[in-house]
Amino acid sequence: MQKTILITGSTDGIGLEATSMLVSQGHNVLLHGRNPAKLEEVARTLSGRQNRGRVESYVCDLSQLSEVVVLANEVAERHTKLDVLINNAGVLKTSIPTTQEGLDVRFVVNAIAPYLLTKNLLPLMGTSGRVINLSSAAQSPVDPEALAGHIKLSDDLNAYAQSKLAITMWSRSMALSLKGTGPVIIAVNPGSLLGTKMVKEGFGIAGKDIRIGAEILTRLALSDDFDDASGLYFDNDTGRLASPHPDALDPEKSQAIVHAIEAVILATAL
């Protein structure tokens, strides 16, 4: 069955590879990127294929939460139903690690923006939808003060690992709160040290085949095997559903992070 799928960060890396797979399978894919020229190039390439699904393009800088709201509104204006949302976009190293509001870009792009986008698109998804959130094998306890921008994290990997635990925590918390009244929400480690630009810049290595990550995103988005996996975590390094960092299984800690995320959104996105 043809599905409508929004995948953030779909102009390079795992996102681009997953997008290519989904379009080739005949699904309609809503492309996202922050560089209009790059986005147009990807859309043109995918649109030129035979036996393909349709593609649409959406420009949005996920580090600006007000733009995330606009993105959700634009999708809602053009679609009455969204089958799958893949929150794939992420950042590790950046020359500008702090937003205009004083927030750490890793927290905003990797955890807060996906939360806001998901919440705003829930009405389009219903119980048949699916949300796939990119986590990581790198997960570290989240400091709510760092998430809120009150303290600065000097270590890129630490900020990244905290942001990835944050998205894992809210994924489970949101899934449990919906209790079957919303889409299936799954957090996933797509595979360690895949050959993305992020890995090359952050670790100075070529990395493994990015198709490893793209294939699991496609499977999680489409396979009936995960109909009952809402709130769970898939570790693609082991190839199975697994336990995330213990903090993600702690309801009180997870709710505290959700509250911190919502406070940031209230202060900056409206």
Protein backbone atom coordinates (compact mmCIF):
# COMPACT_ATOMS: atom_id res chain seq x y z
CA MET A 1 0.00 0.00 0.00
CA GLN A 2 1.35 3.42 -0.97
CA LYS A 3 2.13 5.62 2.02
CA THR A 4 2.84 9.30 2.57
CA ILE A 5 6.09 9.70 4.50
CA LEU A 6 7.87 12.78 5.86
CA ILE A 7 11.56 12.27 6.54
CA THR A 8 13.65 15.08 7.98
CA GLY A 9 17.23 15.49 6.89
CA SER A 10 16.52 13.77 3.60
CA THR A 11 19.18 15.46 1.45
CA ASP A 12 22.21 13.43 2.54
CA GLY A 13 23.42 10.44 4.54
CA ILE A 14 21.03 7.87 5.94
CA GLY A 15 18.09 10.16 5.26
CA LEU A 16 18.83 10.46 1.57
CA GLU A 17 19.44 6.73 1.22
CA ALA A 18 16.19 5.89 3.03
CA THR A 19 14.32 8.44 0.93
CA SER A 20 15.67 6.88 -2.24
CA MET A 21 14.54 3.44 -1.09
CA LEU A 22 11.06 4.63 -0.18
CA VAL A 23 10.52 6.52 -3.42
CA SER A 24 11.74 3.52 -5.41
CA GLN A 25 9.14 1.41 -3.60
CA GLY A 26 6.41 3.77 -4.84
CA HIS A 27 5.76 5.73 -1.66
CA ASN A 28 5.07 9.46 -1.64
CA VAL A 29 7.89 11.13 0.27
CA LEU A 30 7.93 14.63 1.72
CA LEU A 31 11.55 15.74 1.53
CA HIS A 32 13.02 18.08 4.12
CA GLY A 33 16.22 20.09 4.14
CA ARG A 34 17.50 23.49 5.16
CA ASN A 35 19.39 24.19 1.92
CA PRO A 36 16.89 25.03 -0.85
CA ALA A 37 19.33 24.34 -3.70
CA LYS A 38 20.35 20.95 -2.32
CA LEU A 39 16.72 20.06 -1.68
CA GLU A 40 15.75 20.98 -5.24
CA GLU A 41 18.58 18.87 -6.63
CA VAL A 42 17.50 15.80 -4.65
CA ALA A 43 13.87 16.27 -5.65
CA ARG A 44 14.81 16.60 -9.31
CA THR A 45 16.92 13.44 -9.20
CA LEU A 46 14.22 11.37 -7.50
CA SER A 47 11.46 12.74 -9.71
CA GLY A 48 13.35 11.58 -12.80
CA ARG A 49 13.04 7.92 -11.88
CA GLN A 50 10.56 5.53 -13.40
CA ASN A 51 8.02 3.60 -11.31
CA ARG A 52 8.46 5.96 -8.43
CA GLY A 53 6.35 7.65 -5.79
CA ARG A 54 5.80 11.40 -5.77
CA VAL A 55 8.10 13.76 -3.92
CA GLU A 56 7.47 17.15 -2.34
CA SER A 57 10.01 19.53 -0.84
CA TYR A 58 9.90 21.45 2.43
CA VAL A 59 12.59 23.91 3.55
CA CYS A 60 13.08 24.31 7.29
CA ASP A 61 15.93 25.07 9.67
CA LEU A 62 15.18 22.72 12.57
CA SER A 63 17.36 24.78 14.91
CA GLN A 64 14.67 27.46 14.73
CA LEU A 65 11.59 26.14 16.50
CA SER A 66 9.34 28.76 14.95
CA GLU A 67 10.24 27.29 11.54
CA VAL A 68 9.32 23.82 12.80
CA VAL A 69 5.80 25.10 13.50
CA VAL A 70 5.64 26.53 9.97
CA LEU A 71 6.82 23.19 8.55
CA ALA A 72 4.07 21.30 10.37
CA ASN A 73 1.47 23.81 9.19
CA GLU A 74 2.65 23.53 5.58
CA VAL A 75 2.39 19.76 5.67
CA ALA A 76 -1.10 19.98 7.22
CA GLU A 77 -2.21 22.43 4.53
CA ARG A 78 -1.26 20.00 1.76
CA HIS A 79 -2.20 16.69 3.38
CA THR A 80 -5.08 15.36 5.44
CA LYS A 81 -3.16 12.22 6.35
CA LEU A 82 0.47 11.42 7.12
CA ASP A 83 1.32 7.74 7.42
CA VAL A 84 4.91 7.96 8.66
CA LEU A 85 7.14 10.60 10.20
CA ILE A 86 10.85 9.78 10.35
CA ASN A 87 12.71 12.24 12.58
CA ASN A 88 16.10 11.57 11.02
CA ALA A 89 17.87 14.94 10.94
CA GLY A 90 20.69 15.31 13.43
CA VAL A 91 23.84 17.22 14.26
CA LEU A 92 27.02 16.42 16.17
CA LYS A 93 29.62 19.07 15.38
CA THR A 94 28.79 22.56 14.20
CA SER A 95 30.64 25.86 13.93
CA ILE A 96 27.71 27.58 15.66
CA PRO A 97 26.72 25.29 18.57
CA THR A 98 24.27 27.77 20.15
CA THR A 99 21.02 29.14 18.77
CA GLN A 100 19.94 32.78 18.96
CA GLU A 101 17.93 31.83 22.05
CA GLY A 102 21.03 30.44 23.77
CA LEU A 103 20.08 26.78 23.32
CA ASP A 104 22.48 23.99 22.39
CA VAL A 105 21.90 23.14 18.73
CA ARG A 106 22.32 19.42 19.44
CA PHE A 107 19.41 19.44 21.87
CA VAL A 108 17.24 21.53 19.56
CA VAL A 109 17.79 19.64 16.30
CA ASN A 110 18.16 16.14 17.74
CA ALA A 111 15.44 16.15 20.39
CA ILE A 112 13.33 19.30 20.82
CA ALA A 113 12.44 20.01 17.18
CA PRO A 114 11.40 16.36 16.58
CA TYR A 115 9.17 16.52 19.66
CA LEU A 116 7.50 19.72 18.45
CA LEU A 117 7.10 18.44 14.90
CA THR A 118 5.63 15.15 16.11
CA LYS A 119 3.16 16.84 18.47
CA ASN A 120 1.96 19.19 15.74
CA LEU A 121 1.53 16.39 13.19
CA LEU A 122 -0.27 13.92 15.48
CA PRO A 123 -3.72 14.98 14.18
CA LEU A 124 -2.69 13.82 10.68
CA MET A 125 -1.50 10.41 11.83
CA GLY A 126 -4.15 8.81 14.01
CA THR A 127 -3.71 5.27 15.31
CA SER A 128 -2.52 3.89 11.98
CA GLY A 129 0.52 6.18 11.75
CA ARG A 130 4.08 5.55 12.75
CA VAL A 131 6.84 7.81 14.12
CA ILE A 132 10.45 6.67 13.85
CA ASN A 133 12.91 8.65 15.97
CA LEU A 134 16.65 8.52 15.40
CA SER A 135 18.46 7.70 18.59
CA SER A 136 22.00 6.37 18.90
CA ALA A 137 24.16 3.87 20.73
CA ALA A 138 25.64 6.99 22.36
CA GLN A 139 23.24 7.90 25.16
CA SER A 140 24.21 9.86 28.29
CA PRO A 141 22.13 11.10 31.25
CA VAL A 142 20.37 14.33 30.33
CA ASP A 143 21.03 17.48 32.32
CA PRO A 144 17.78 19.48 32.17
CA GLU A 145 19.75 22.67 32.75
CA ALA A 146 21.84 21.99 29.66
CA LEU A 147 18.72 21.16 27.65
CA ALA A 148 17.20 24.47 28.72
CA GLY A 149 20.36 26.34 27.72
CA HIS A 150 21.18 27.42 31.26
CA ILE A 151 24.59 25.75 31.17
CA LYS A 152 26.87 25.11 28.20
CA LEU A 153 28.29 21.75 27.22
CA SER A 154 31.79 22.08 25.79
CA ASP A 155 32.12 18.49 24.61
CA ASP A 156 30.38 17.79 21.28
CA LEU A 157 29.93 14.07 21.86
CA ASN A 158 28.52 14.60 25.35
CA ALA A 159 25.95 17.08 24.03
CA TYR A 160 25.07 14.69 21.22
CA ALA A 161 24.73 11.70 23.55
CA GLN A 162 22.51 13.64 25.94
CA SER A 163 20.29 14.80 23.08
CA LYS A 164 19.95 11.23 21.81
CA LEU A 165 18.88 9.96 25.21
CA ALA A 166 16.42 12.87 25.37
CA ILE A 167 14.69 11.79 22.14
CA THR A 168 14.66 8.18 23.36
CA MET A 169 13.05 9.27 26.64
CA TRP A 170 10.33 11.37 25.09
CA SER A 171 9.61 8.70 22.48
CA ARG A 172 8.69 6.21 25.18
CA SER A 173 6.92 8.80 27.31
CA MET A 174 4.76 10.04 24.43
CA ALA A 175 3.94 6.50 23.32
CA LEU A 176 2.80 5.56 26.81
CA SER A 177 0.75 8.73 27.17
CA LEU A 178 -1.10 8.07 23.91
CA LYS A 179 -1.95 4.48 24.97
CA GLY A 180 -3.14 3.31 21.59
CA THR A 181 -4.87 6.57 20.66
CA GLY A 182 -2.00 7.77 18.47
CA PRO A 183 0.69 6.45 16.15
CA VAL A 184 3.26 3.81 16.96
CA ILE A 185 6.40 5.59 18.18
CA ILE A 186 9.75 3.80 18.00
CA ALA A 187 13.24 5.06 18.82
CA VAL A 188 16.10 3.44 16.91
CA ASN A 189 19.85 3.28 16.91
CA PRO A 190 20.30 2.89 13.13
CA GLY A 191 23.81 1.49 13.54
CA SER A 192 27.05 2.70 15.04
CA LEU A 193 29.60 4.64 13.00
CA LEU A 194 27.81 4.50 9.67
CA GLY A 195 29.44 6.42 6.85
CA THR A 196 27.56 9.69 7.23
CA LYS A 197 28.96 13.19 7.00
CA MET A 198 28.44 13.44 10.75
CA VAL A 199 30.65 10.42 11.44
CA LYS A 200 33.32 11.54 8.97
CA GLU A 201 33.50 15.02 10.49
CA GLY A 202 33.15 13.88 14.09
CA PHE A 203 35.43 10.86 14.12
CA GLY A 204 37.58 11.19 11.01
CA ILE A 205 36.67 7.75 9.64
CA ALA A 206 34.86 6.58 6.51
CA GLY A 207 32.33 4.54 8.47
CA LYS A 208 30.20 1.57 7.51
CA ASP A 209 27.68 1.29 4.68
CA ILE A 210 24.88 3.81 5.27
CA ARG A 211 22.42 1.38 3.69
CA ILE A 212 22.52 -0.45 7.02
CA GLY A 213 20.78 2.51 8.61
CA ALA A 214 18.50 3.27 5.68
CA GLU A 215 17.23 -0.29 5.51
CA ILE A 216 16.23 -0.39 9.18
CA LEU A 217 14.46 2.97 8.89
CA THR A 218 12.50 1.64 5.94
CA ARG A 219 11.66 -1.56 7.77
CA LEU A 220 10.57 0.20 10.96
CA ALA A 221 8.43 2.60 8.94
CA LEU A 222 6.63 -0.04 6.90
CA SER A 223 6.80 -3.53 8.38
CA ASP A 224 3.86 -5.06 10.23
CA ASP A 225 6.43 -6.65 12.55
CA PHE A 226 6.45 -3.43 14.56
CA ASP A 227 2.72 -2.83 14.92
CA ASP A 228 2.98 -3.53 18.66
CA ALA A 229 6.36 -1.90 19.27
CA SER A 230 5.20 1.56 20.36
CA GLY A 231 7.40 2.97 23.10
CA LEU A 232 10.17 0.49 22.42
CA TYR A 233 13.76 0.91 21.27
CA PHE A 234 15.38 -0.91 18.37
CA ASP A 235 19.14 -1.42 18.45
CA ASN A 236 20.37 -2.07 14.92
CA ASP A 237 23.83 -2.99 16.20
CA THR A 238 22.25 -6.15 17.61
CA GLY A 239 19.38 -6.29 15.12
CA ARG A 240 16.59 -6.46 17.68
CA LEU A 241 14.39 -4.60 20.11
CA ALA A 242 16.52 -3.93 23.18
CA SER A 243 16.75 -1.89 26.36
CA PRO A 244 17.83 1.73 25.95
CA HIS A 245 19.70 3.66 28.63
CA PRO A 246 18.03 2.96 32.01
CA ASP A 247 16.93 6.59 32.32
CA ALA A 248 14.59 6.07 29.36
CA LEU A 249 12.77 3.41 31.35
CA ASP A 250 12.31 5.68 34.37
CA PRO A 251 8.89 7.40 34.10
CA GLU A 252 9.78 10.24 36.49
CA LYS A 253 13.05 11.09 34.76
CA SER A 254 11.42 10.86 31.34
CA GLN A 255 8.54 13.10 32.38
CA ALA A 256 11.01 15.64 33.73
CA ILE A 257 12.72 15.78 30.35
CA VAL A 258 9.37 16.13 28.58
CA HIS A 259 8.49 19.04 30.87
CA ALA A 260 11.87 20.65 30.15
CA ILE A 261 11.32 20.28 26.39
CA GLU A 262 7.84 21.76 26.59
CA ALA A 263 9.15 24.68 28.62
CA VAL A 264 11.72 25.44 25.93
CA ILE A 265 9.06 25.22 23.23
CA LEU A 266 6.73 27.51 25.12
CA ALA A 267 9.51 30.07 25.52
CA THR A 268 10.82 30.01 21.96
CA ALA A 269 8.43 28.56 19.41
CA LEU A 270 5.29 30.63 19.91
